[in-house]
Amino acid sequence: MHASRAIPAAAALLLAACAGTPHRTAPWPGPQGPDATPPQAEVPDAVPRAEPRSSHGNPPFYDVNGQRYTILASADDFVERGVASWYGPDFHGHNTSSGEVYDMYAMTAAHRTLPIPCYARVTNLSNGRSVVVRINDRGPFVANRIVDLSYSAASRLDIVRTGTAFVELRTISAGEARSAPEQSTAATTMPPATEPAAAPAADAALSPTSMSEPATVALYIQIGAFADPANAQRVLDRLQSSGVPHVFSVASSTSGRTLRRVRIGPIATVEEFDALAARLAALGYPEARLAND
């Protein structure tokens, strides 16, 4: 369904050659949808439980598209904001990186570096909807995407219509409270730009629209955090002289250290984020990401 799941042939051969390294078989040529109509009823959240680390999909590191990804030693206290996508019919019934069969109707997800398996709460920052998923796959391998959701998870978050959305991902452990947390009050609330779009017709349920919905909290791209204010100012000056809009710096304290963070925003839509990220990469800042606060 999405290019974010695709791995070039050369990379696939390299991944398959490494024992225990994440891999995914190519989509089989056939129907573009499952035999049954996608269920409309909500699928319940995944239930976090203690599980051993999978013997597949957890190498120390792996490479895709020239990018190296290092698997985290632990999923504890991991928080990330960014863009979620989803994958469905083209991969339904095929092996995930963990060796398990992908079920688009299960509450699962793919992440590039979290240990497999683990559990996370994913919250759509455009509407506040939240689900708990079990991470058992690797991906997405497209810039600016942090998690690939199953069809059911994306449907519950109302991401199937748009294809992508800003989300917050927080890992959770067995026995941890599963109730949805209140949306962060640290972020500035933004008024909705438009009336919500009408739900798609049943025969269009798997066809995303071209535009994402705006986030309901203020989101910012972070270029970097600098201990030396002079370095932050140099980056700020360069971006402003290059015509990048809405660049600023802000001081914050972390573990007793004061850092000067260079940011851009607020960012309203995924499309705006993608365009700015591409521009920043061309200027030499490929690691720019959505700030977690």
C-alpha atoms as a PDB file:
ATOM      1  CA  MET A   1       0.000   0.000   0.000  1.00  0.00           C
ATOM      2  CA  HIS A   2       2.751   2.408   0.929  1.00  0.00           C
ATOM      3  CA  ALA A   3       6.264   2.920  -0.411  1.00  0.00           C
ATOM      4  CA  SER A   4       7.376   3.171   3.209  1.00  0.00           C
ATOM      5  CA  ARG A   5       7.265  -0.619   3.401  1.00  0.00           C
ATOM      6  CA  ALA A   6       9.385  -1.177   0.290  1.00  0.00           C
ATOM      7  CA  ILE A   7      13.042  -2.194   0.559  1.00  0.00           C
ATOM      8  CA  PRO A   8      15.189  -1.967  -2.607  1.00  0.00           C
ATOM      9  CA  ALA A   9      16.326  -5.326  -4.019  1.00  0.00           C
ATOM     10  CA  ALA A  10      19.991  -4.774  -3.159  1.00  0.00           C
ATOM     11  CA  ALA A  11      19.149  -3.849   0.402  1.00  0.00           C
ATOM     12  CA  ALA A  12      16.801  -6.809   0.712  1.00  0.00           C
ATOM     13  CA  LEU A  13      19.570  -9.182  -0.352  1.00  0.00           C
ATOM     14  CA  LEU A  14      21.931  -7.631   2.177  1.00  0.00           C
ATOM     15  CA  LEU A  15      19.365  -7.895   4.962  1.00  0.00           C
ATOM     16  CA  ALA A  16      18.499 -11.489   4.101  1.00  0.00           C
ATOM     17  CA  ALA A  17      22.181 -12.418   4.166  1.00  0.00           C
ATOM     18  CA  CYS A  18      22.534 -11.354   7.804  1.00  0.00           C
ATOM     19  CA  ALA A  19      21.175 -13.879  10.298  1.00  0.00           C
ATOM     20  CA  GLY A  20      18.559 -12.361  12.570  1.00  0.00           C
ATOM     21  CA  THR A  21      18.500  -9.116  10.613  1.00  0.00           C
ATOM     22  CA  PRO A  22      15.092  -7.535   9.842  1.00  0.00           C
ATOM     23  CA  HIS A  23      13.647  -8.482   6.480  1.00  0.00           C
ATOM     24  CA  ARG A  24      10.338  -8.474   4.666  1.00  0.00           C
ATOM     25  CA  THR A  25       9.278 -10.513   1.679  1.00  0.00           C
ATOM     26  CA  ALA A  26       8.093  -8.532  -1.334  1.00  0.00           C
ATOM     27  CA  PRO A  27       4.335  -8.152  -1.800  1.00  0.00           C
ATOM     28  CA  TRP A  28       2.824 -10.977  -3.827  1.00  0.00           C
ATOM     29  CA  PRO A  29       1.198 -10.037  -7.177  1.00  0.00           C
ATOM     30  CA  GLY A  30      -2.499 -10.442  -6.652  1.00  0.00           C
ATOM     31  CA  PRO A  31      -5.616  -8.714  -5.346  1.00  0.00           C
ATOM     32  CA  GLN A  32      -4.976  -5.329  -3.796  1.00  0.00           C
ATOM     33  CA  GLY A  33      -7.368  -5.954  -0.921  1.00  0.00           C
ATOM     34  CA  PRO A  34      -8.341  -8.752   1.455  1.00  0.00           C
ATOM     35  CA  ASP A  35     -11.205 -11.070   0.560  1.00  0.00           C
ATOM     36  CA  ALA A  36     -13.430  -9.664   3.264  1.00  0.00           C
ATOM     37  CA  THR A  37     -14.626  -6.104   3.710  1.00  0.00           C
ATOM     38  CA  PRO A  38     -12.494  -4.274   6.302  1.00  0.00           C
ATOM     39  CA  PRO A  39     -14.246  -4.520   9.664  1.00  0.00           C
ATOM     40  CA  GLN A  40     -15.930  -1.377  10.883  1.00  0.00           C
ATOM     41  CA  ALA A  41     -16.106  -2.381  14.567  1.00  0.00           C
ATOM     42  CA  GLU A  42     -13.221  -1.317  16.756  1.00  0.00           C
ATOM     43  CA  VAL A  43     -10.528  -3.884  17.415  1.00  0.00           C
ATOM     44  CA  PRO A  44      -9.458  -3.768  21.088  1.00  0.00           C
ATOM     45  CA  ASP A  45      -6.054  -2.498  22.146  1.00  0.00           C
ATOM     46  CA  ALA A  46      -3.120  -4.862  22.370  1.00  0.00           C
ATOM     47  CA  VAL A  47      -2.606  -6.003  25.965  1.00  0.00           C
ATOM     48  CA  PRO A  48       0.978  -5.434  27.170  1.00  0.00           C
ATOM     49  CA  ARG A  49       2.598  -8.521  28.627  1.00  0.00           C
ATOM     50  CA  ALA A  50       6.133  -9.582  29.456  1.00  0.00           C
ATOM     51  CA  GLU A  51       7.713 -11.265  26.435  1.00  0.00           C
ATOM     52  CA  PRO A  52      11.257 -12.400  25.664  1.00  0.00           C
ATOM     53  CA  ARG A  53      13.207 -10.517  23.040  1.00  0.00           C
ATOM     54  CA  SER A  54      12.546 -12.062  19.627  1.00  0.00           C
ATOM     55  CA  SER A  55      15.324 -14.141  18.053  1.00  0.00           C
ATOM     56  CA  HIS A  56      14.464 -12.446  14.735  1.00  0.00           C
ATOM     57  CA  GLY A  57      14.499  -8.749  13.942  1.00  0.00           C
ATOM     58  CA  ASN A  58      16.826  -7.700  16.764  1.00  0.00           C
ATOM     59  CA  PRO A  59      20.376  -7.520  15.383  1.00  0.00           C
ATOM     60  CA  PRO A  60      22.732  -4.977  16.983  1.00  0.00           C
ATOM     61  CA  PHE A  61      22.240  -2.855  13.860  1.00  0.00           C
ATOM     62  CA  TYR A  62      21.145  -3.094  10.224  1.00  0.00           C
ATOM     63  CA  ASP A  63      21.390  -0.970   7.065  1.00  0.00           C
ATOM     64  CA  VAL A  64      18.651   0.101   4.642  1.00  0.00           C
ATOM     65  CA  ASN A  65      19.039   2.646   1.820  1.00  0.00           C
ATOM     66  CA  GLY A  66      22.510   3.562   3.083  1.00  0.00           C
ATOM     67  CA  GLN A  67      21.185   4.409   6.538  1.00  0.00           C
ATOM     68  CA  ARG A  68      22.331   2.485   9.621  1.00  0.00           C
ATOM     69  CA  TYR A  69      19.792   1.757  12.355  1.00  0.00           C
ATOM     70  CA  THR A  70      20.911   0.647  15.836  1.00  0.00           C
ATOM     71  CA  ILE A  71      18.443  -1.396  17.853  1.00  0.00           C
ATOM     72  CA  LEU A  72      17.790   0.059  21.307  1.00  0.00           C
ATOM     73  CA  ALA A  73      18.848  -1.991  24.300  1.00  0.00           C
ATOM     74  CA  SER A  74      15.545  -1.274  26.046  1.00  0.00           C
ATOM     75  CA  ALA A  75      12.102   0.095  25.242  1.00  0.00           C
ATOM     76  CA  ASP A  76      11.729   1.685  28.690  1.00  0.00           C
ATOM     77  CA  ASP A  77      10.586   5.322  28.850  1.00  0.00           C
ATOM     78  CA  PHE A  78      10.807   5.851  25.087  1.00  0.00           C
ATOM     79  CA  VAL A  79       8.870   8.843  23.756  1.00  0.00           C
ATOM     80  CA  GLU A  80       8.849  10.079  20.171  1.00  0.00           C
ATOM     81  CA  ARG A  81       6.789  12.493  18.102  1.00  0.00           C
ATOM     82  CA  GLY A  82       6.628  12.379  14.340  1.00  0.00           C
ATOM     83  CA  VAL A  83       4.625  11.148  11.378  1.00  0.00           C
ATOM     84  CA  ALA A  84       2.796   7.813  11.336  1.00  0.00           C
ATOM     85  CA  SER A  85       1.863   5.915   8.199  1.00  0.00           C
ATOM     86  CA  TRP A  86       0.121   2.560   7.775  1.00  0.00           C
ATOM     87  CA  TYR A  87       0.425  -0.638   5.755  1.00  0.00           C
ATOM     88  CA  GLY A  88      -2.308  -3.035   4.777  1.00  0.00           C
ATOM     89  CA  PRO A  89      -3.457  -5.358   1.985  1.00  0.00           C
ATOM     90  CA  ASP A  90      -0.188  -5.638   0.054  1.00  0.00           C
ATOM     91  CA  PHE A  91       1.544  -7.139   3.104  1.00  0.00           C
ATOM     92  CA  HIS A  92      -1.376  -8.971   4.720  1.00  0.00           C
ATOM     93  CA  GLY A  93      -0.363 -12.587   5.346  1.00  0.00           C
ATOM     94  CA  HIS A  94       3.355 -12.052   4.782  1.00  0.00           C
ATOM     95  CA  ASN A  95       6.154 -12.414   7.307  1.00  0.00           C
ATOM     96  CA  THR A  96       7.137  -9.494   9.508  1.00  0.00           C
ATOM     97  CA  SER A  97      10.725  -8.892  10.613  1.00  0.00           C
ATOM     98  CA  SER A  98       9.990 -10.880  13.777  1.00  0.00           C
ATOM     99  CA  GLY A  99       9.010 -13.892  11.677  1.00  0.00           C
ATOM    100  CA  GLU A 100       5.363 -13.559  12.675  1.00  0.00           C
ATOM    101  CA  VAL A 101       2.726 -13.310   9.967  1.00  0.00           C
ATOM    102  CA  TYR A 102       1.433  -9.784   9.410  1.00  0.00           C
ATOM    103  CA  ASP A 103      -2.272  -9.431  10.166  1.00  0.00           C
ATOM    104  CA  MET A 104      -3.623  -6.054   9.054  1.00  0.00           C
ATOM    105  CA  TYR A 105      -6.593  -6.531  11.427  1.00  0.00           C
ATOM    106  CA  ALA A 106      -4.415  -6.969  14.538  1.00  0.00           C
ATOM    107  CA  MET A 107      -3.236  -4.069  16.701  1.00  0.00           C
ATOM    108  CA  THR A 108       0.415  -4.067  15.644  1.00  0.00           C
ATOM    109  CA  ALA A 109       3.024  -1.658  14.325  1.00  0.00           C
ATOM    110  CA  ALA A 110       6.509  -1.400  12.866  1.00  0.00           C
ATOM    111  CA  HIS A 111       9.364   0.700  14.258  1.00  0.00           C
ATOM    112  CA  ARG A 112      12.943   1.011  13.062  1.00  0.00           C
ATOM    113  CA  THR A 113      14.859   0.777  16.349  1.00  0.00           C
ATOM    114  CA  LEU A 114      12.658  -0.312  19.266  1.00  0.00           C
ATOM    115  CA  PRO A 115      13.293  -3.891  20.436  1.00  0.00           C
ATOM    116  CA  ILE A 116      10.874  -6.514  19.126  1.00  0.00           C
ATOM    117  CA  PRO A 117       8.411  -7.187  20.616  1.00  0.00           C
ATOM    118  CA  CYS A 118       7.362  -4.239  22.757  1.00  0.00           C
ATOM    119  CA  TYR A 119       4.210  -2.241  23.338  1.00  0.00           C
ATOM    120  CA  ALA A 120       3.418   1.424  22.782  1.00  0.00           C
ATOM    121  CA  ARG A 121       0.564   3.853  23.051  1.00  0.00           C
ATOM    122  CA  VAL A 122       0.183   5.859  19.843  1.00  0.00           C
ATOM    123  CA  THR A 123      -1.841   9.080  19.991  1.00  0.00           C
ATOM    124  CA  ASN A 124      -3.052  10.978  16.943  1.00  0.00           C
ATOM    125  CA  LEU A 125      -2.143  14.604  17.662  1.00  0.00           C
ATOM    126  CA  SER A 126      -4.811  15.819  15.232  1.00  0.00           C
ATOM    127  CA  ASN A 127      -7.771  14.363  17.115  1.00  0.00           C
ATOM    128  CA  GLY A 128      -6.532  12.968  20.447  1.00  0.00           C
ATOM    129  CA  ARG A 129      -7.463   9.374  19.612  1.00  0.00           C
ATOM    130  CA  SER A 130      -5.160   6.806  21.195  1.00  0.00           C
ATOM    131  CA  VAL A 131      -4.444   3.069  20.780  1.00  0.00           C
ATOM    132  CA  VAL A 132      -2.068   0.496  22.246  1.00  0.00           C
ATOM    133  CA  VAL A 133      -0.131  -1.555  19.702  1.00  0.00           C
ATOM    134  CA  ARG A 134       2.368  -4.412  19.805  1.00  0.00           C
ATOM    135  CA  ILE A 135       5.514  -3.596  17.813  1.00  0.00           C
ATOM    136  CA  ASN A 136       6.627  -6.705  15.926  1.00  0.00           C
ATOM    137  CA  ASP A 137       8.044  -5.395  12.650  1.00  0.00           C
ATOM    138  CA  ARG A 138      10.682  -3.056  11.184  1.00  0.00           C
ATOM    139  CA  GLY A 139       9.966   0.116   9.235  1.00  0.00           C
ATOM    140  CA  PRO A 140       8.994   2.565   7.914  1.00  0.00           C
ATOM    141  CA  PHE A 141      11.981   3.255   5.652  1.00  0.00           C
ATOM    142  CA  VAL A 142      10.832   6.618   4.338  1.00  0.00           C
ATOM    143  CA  ALA A 143      12.169   9.928   5.621  1.00  0.00           C
ATOM    144  CA  ASN A 144      10.209  11.643   8.402  1.00  0.00           C
ATOM    145  CA  ARG A 145       8.089   8.591   9.263  1.00  0.00           C
ATOM    146  CA  ILE A 146       8.545   7.108  12.738  1.00  0.00           C
ATOM    147  CA  VAL A 147       5.986   4.285  12.861  1.00  0.00           C
ATOM    148  CA  ASP A 148       3.969   2.148  10.449  1.00  0.00           C
ATOM    149  CA  LEU A 149       0.597   1.076  11.847  1.00  0.00           C
ATOM    150  CA  SER A 150      -1.568  -1.887  10.966  1.00  0.00           C
ATOM    151  CA  TYR A 151      -4.818  -1.156   9.166  1.00  0.00           C
ATOM    152  CA  SER A 152      -6.884  -1.635  12.335  1.00  0.00           C
ATOM    153  CA  ALA A 153      -4.649   0.657  14.412  1.00  0.00           C
ATOM    154  CA  ALA A 154      -4.672   3.325  11.696  1.00  0.00           C
ATOM    155  CA  SER A 155      -8.440   2.987  11.298  1.00  0.00           C
ATOM    156  CA  ARG A 156      -9.058   3.554  15.000  1.00  0.00           C
ATOM    157  CA  LEU A 157      -6.799   6.626  14.903  1.00  0.00           C
ATOM    158  CA  ASP A 158      -8.555   7.898  11.741  1.00  0.00           C
ATOM    159  CA  ILE A 159      -5.338   7.794   9.701  1.00  0.00           C
ATOM    160  CA  VAL A 160      -6.570   5.530   6.889  1.00  0.00           C
ATOM    161  CA  ARG A 161      -8.374   8.456   5.214  1.00  0.00           C
ATOM    162  CA  THR A 162      -5.297  10.675   5.076  1.00  0.00           C
ATOM    163  CA  GLY A 163      -2.505   8.083   4.906  1.00  0.00           C
ATOM    164  CA  THR A 164      -0.364   9.914   7.465  1.00  0.00           C
ATOM    165  CA  ALA A 165      -0.750  11.922  10.670  1.00  0.00           C
ATOM    166  CA  PHE A 166       1.294  13.509  13.424  1.00  0.00           C
ATOM    167  CA  VAL A 167       1.461  11.148  16.397  1.00  0.00           C
ATOM    168  CA  GLU A 168       3.107  10.702  19.745  1.00  0.00           C
ATOM    169  CA  LEU A 169       4.484   7.238  20.551  1.00  0.00           C
ATOM    170  CA  ARG A 170       5.114   6.216  24.173  1.00  0.00           C
ATOM    171  CA  THR A 171       6.252   2.738  25.104  1.00  0.00           C
ATOM    172  CA  ILE A 172       4.397   0.957  27.891  1.00  0.00           C
ATOM    173  CA  SER A 173       5.219  -2.177  29.840  1.00  0.00           C
ATOM    174  CA  ALA A 174       3.248  -5.124  31.199  1.00  0.00           C
ATOM    175  CA  GLY A 175       0.957  -4.089  34.034  1.00  0.00           C
ATOM    176  CA  GLU A 176       1.201  -0.401  33.219  1.00  0.00           C
ATOM    177  CA  ALA A 177      -2.037   1.582  33.197  1.00  0.00           C
ATOM    178  CA  ARG A 178      -3.616   1.316  29.775  1.00  0.00           C
ATOM    179  CA  SER A 179      -5.986   4.277  30.022  1.00  0.00           C
ATOM    180  CA  ALA A 180      -5.340   7.008  27.491  1.00  0.00           C
ATOM    181  CA  PRO A 181      -3.346   9.903  28.961  1.00  0.00           C
ATOM    182  CA  GLU A 182      -4.605  13.437  28.737  1.00  0.00           C
ATOM    183  CA  GLN A 183      -3.122  15.396  25.886  1.00  0.00           C
ATOM    184  CA  SER A 184      -0.015  17.301  26.928  1.00  0.00           C
ATOM    185  CA  THR A 185      -0.700  20.717  28.391  1.00  0.00           C
ATOM    186  CA  ALA A 186       2.863  21.808  27.639  1.00  0.00           C
ATOM    187  CA  ALA A 187       2.014  22.284  23.991  1.00  0.00           C
ATOM    188  CA  THR A 188       0.020  25.282  22.851  1.00  0.00           C
ATOM    189  CA  THR A 189      -3.490  24.389  21.761  1.00  0.00           C
ATOM    190  CA  MET A 190      -4.297  25.432  18.212  1.00  0.00           C
ATOM    191  CA  PRO A 191      -7.864  25.963  16.942  1.00  0.00           C
ATOM    192  CA  PRO A 192      -8.979  23.543  14.221  1.00  0.00           C
ATOM    193  CA  ALA A 193      -8.473  25.035  10.778  1.00  0.00           C
ATOM    194  CA  THR A 194     -11.490  23.436   9.126  1.00  0.00           C
ATOM    195  CA  GLU A 195     -14.519  21.291   9.800  1.00  0.00           C
ATOM    196  CA  PRO A 196     -13.636  17.577   9.957  1.00  0.00           C
ATOM    197  CA  ALA A 197     -13.953  15.825   6.611  1.00  0.00           C
ATOM    198  CA  ALA A 198     -16.822  13.399   6.143  1.00  0.00           C
ATOM    199  CA  ALA A 199     -16.060   9.718   6.585  1.00  0.00           C
ATOM    200  CA  PRO A 200     -15.162   7.975   3.302  1.00  0.00           C
ATOM    201  CA  ALA A 201     -17.544   5.636   1.556  1.00  0.00           C
ATOM    202  CA  ALA A 202     -16.967   1.922   2.120  1.00  0.00           C
ATOM    203  CA  ASP A 203     -15.463   1.382  -1.339  1.00  0.00           C
ATOM    204  CA  ALA A 204     -12.999   4.237  -0.740  1.00  0.00           C
ATOM    205  CA  ALA A 205     -11.910   3.139   2.743  1.00  0.00           C
ATOM    206  CA  LEU A 206      -8.425   2.111   1.579  1.00  0.00           C
ATOM    207  CA  SER A 207      -7.791   5.180  -0.588  1.00  0.00           C
ATOM    208  CA  PRO A 208      -6.108   7.971   1.411  1.00  0.00           C
ATOM    209  CA  THR A 209      -6.861  11.598   0.668  1.00  0.00           C
ATOM    210  CA  SER A 210      -4.041  13.896  -0.413  1.00  0.00           C
ATOM    211  CA  MET A 211      -3.900  16.130   2.653  1.00  0.00           C
ATOM    212  CA  SER A 212      -3.374  15.388   6.326  1.00  0.00           C
ATOM    213  CA  GLU A 213      -5.378  17.112   9.028  1.00  0.00           C
ATOM    214  CA  PRO A 214      -3.760  19.865  11.125  1.00  0.00           C
ATOM    215  CA  ALA A 215      -2.499  18.997  14.594  1.00  0.00           C
ATOM    216  CA  THR A 216      -4.445  20.351  17.559  1.00  0.00           C
ATOM    217  CA  VAL A 217      -1.232  21.105  19.487  1.00  0.00           C
ATOM    218  CA  ALA A 218       1.649  23.319  18.441  1.00  0.00           C
ATOM    219  CA  LEU A 219       4.411  21.194  16.880  1.00  0.00           C
ATOM    220  CA  TYR A 220       7.959  22.260  16.085  1.00  0.00           C
ATOM    221  CA  ILE A 221      10.877  20.925  14.069  1.00  0.00           C
ATOM    222  CA  GLN A 222      14.067  20.810  16.116  1.00  0.00           C
ATOM    223  CA  ILE A 223      17.299  21.390  14.218  1.00  0.00           C
ATOM    224  CA  GLY A 224      19.582  20.800  17.181  1.00  0.00           C
ATOM    225  CA  ALA A 225      20.350  21.491  20.843  1.00  0.00           C
ATOM    226  CA  PHE A 226      23.568  23.349  21.617  1.00  0.00           C
ATOM    227  CA  ALA A 227      25.497  23.806  24.846  1.00  0.00           C
ATOM    228  CA  ASP A 228      27.301  26.787  23.302  1.00  0.00           C
ATOM    229  CA  PRO A 229      24.829  29.606  22.517  1.00  0.00           C
ATOM    230  CA  ALA A 230      27.197  30.884  19.818  1.00  0.00           C
ATOM    231  CA  ASN A 231      26.795  27.641  17.861  1.00  0.00           C
ATOM    232  CA  ALA A 232      23.025  27.900  18.121  1.00  0.00           C
ATOM    233  CA  GLN A 233      23.180  31.479  16.871  1.00  0.00           C
ATOM    234  CA  ARG A 234      25.313  30.473  13.875  1.00  0.00           C
ATOM    235  CA  VAL A 235      22.738  27.860  12.846  1.00  0.00           C
ATOM    236  CA  LEU A 236      19.905  30.318  13.442  1.00  0.00           C
ATOM    237  CA  ASP A 237      21.617  32.978  11.287  1.00  0.00           C
ATOM    238  CA  ARG A 238      22.296  30.523   8.475  1.00  0.00           C
ATOM    239  CA  LEU A 239      18.726  29.294   8.331  1.00  0.00           C
ATOM    240  CA  GLN A 240      17.308  32.800   8.410  1.00  0.00           C
ATOM    241  CA  SER A 241      19.689  33.970   5.690  1.00  0.00           C
ATOM    242  CA  SER A 242      18.583  30.976   3.587  1.00  0.00           C
ATOM    243  CA  GLY A 243      14.981  32.143   3.840  1.00  0.00           C
ATOM    244  CA  VAL A 244      13.712  29.391   6.140  1.00  0.00           C
ATOM    245  CA  PRO A 245      10.622  30.832   7.882  1.00  0.00           C
ATOM    246  CA  HIS A 246       9.696  30.890  11.572  1.00  0.00           C
ATOM    247  CA  VAL A 247      13.143  29.955  12.939  1.00  0.00           C
ATOM    248  CA  PHE A 248      13.867  30.715  16.585  1.00  0.00           C
ATOM    249  CA  SER A 249      15.905  29.463  19.532  1.00  0.00           C
ATOM    250  CA  VAL A 250      14.812  28.702  23.069  1.00  0.00           C
ATOM    251  CA  ALA A 251      16.776  27.861  26.214  1.00  0.00           C
ATOM    252  CA  SER A 252      15.920  24.782  28.264  1.00  0.00           C
ATOM    253  CA  SER A 253      17.502  22.907  31.157  1.00  0.00           C
ATOM    254  CA  THR A 254      18.133  19.151  30.992  1.00  0.00           C
ATOM    255  CA  SER A 255      19.856  17.221  33.791  1.00  0.00           C
ATOM    256  CA  GLY A 256      21.365  20.416  35.140  1.00  0.00           C
ATOM    257  CA  ARG A 257      22.612  21.550  31.717  1.00  0.00           C
ATOM    258  CA  THR A 258      21.278  24.551  29.859  1.00  0.00           C
ATOM    259  CA  LEU A 259      20.859  23.979  26.141  1.00  0.00           C
ATOM    260  CA  ARG A 260      19.849  26.360  23.385  1.00  0.00           C
ATOM    261  CA  ARG A 261      17.419  24.596  21.030  1.00  0.00           C
ATOM    262  CA  VAL A 262      16.992  25.831  17.462  1.00  0.00           C
ATOM    263  CA  ARG A 263      13.486  25.199  16.172  1.00  0.00           C
ATOM    264  CA  ILE A 264      11.069  25.998  13.362  1.00  0.00           C
ATOM    265  CA  GLY A 265       7.342  26.326  13.715  1.00  0.00           C
ATOM    266  CA  PRO A 266       4.681  25.829  14.614  1.00  0.00           C
ATOM    267  CA  ILE A 267       4.119  23.193  11.919  1.00  0.00           C
ATOM    268  CA  ALA A 268       0.490  22.660  10.969  1.00  0.00           C
ATOM    269  CA  THR A 269       0.432  19.681   8.571  1.00  0.00           C
ATOM    270  CA  VAL A 270       2.461  16.651   7.531  1.00  0.00           C
ATOM    271  CA  GLU A 271       2.858  18.162   4.066  1.00  0.00           C
ATOM    272  CA  GLU A 272       4.438  21.305   5.545  1.00  0.00           C
ATOM    273  CA  PHE A 273       6.706  19.163   7.720  1.00  0.00           C
ATOM    274  CA  ASP A 274       7.854  17.042   4.757  1.00  0.00           C
ATOM    275  CA  ALA A 275       8.606  20.122   2.651  1.00  0.00           C
ATOM    276  CA  LEU A 276      10.603  21.787   5.428  1.00  0.00           C
ATOM    277  CA  ALA A 277      12.477  18.562   6.253  1.00  0.00           C
ATOM    278  CA  ALA A 278      13.530  18.199   2.603  1.00  0.00           C
ATOM    279  CA  ARG A 279      14.670  21.817   2.529  1.00  0.00           C
ATOM    280  CA  LEU A 280      16.641  21.412   5.746  1.00  0.00           C
ATOM    281  CA  ALA A 281      18.310  18.240   4.435  1.00  0.00           C
ATOM    282  CA  ALA A 282      19.431  20.165   1.346  1.00  0.00           C
ATOM    283  CA  LEU A 283      20.932  22.806   3.646  1.00  0.00           C
ATOM    284  CA  GLY A 284      22.905  20.148   5.526  1.00  0.00           C
ATOM    285  CA  TYR A 285      20.530  19.356   8.407  1.00  0.00           C
ATOM    286  CA  PRO A 286      19.184  15.864   7.587  1.00  0.00           C
ATOM    287  CA  GLU A 287      18.633  14.935  11.243  1.00  0.00           C
ATOM    288  CA  ALA A 288      15.963  17.587  11.871  1.00  0.00           C
ATOM    289  CA  ARG A 289      13.002  16.002  13.639  1.00  0.00           C
ATOM    290  CA  LEU A 290       9.754  16.807  15.350  1.00  0.00           C
ATOM    291  CA  ALA A 291      10.402  17.998  18.899  1.00  0.00           C
ATOM    292  CA  ASN A 292       9.036  15.766  21.682  1.00  0.00           C
ATOM    293  CA  ASP A 293       7.722  18.665  23.786  1.00  0.00           C
END
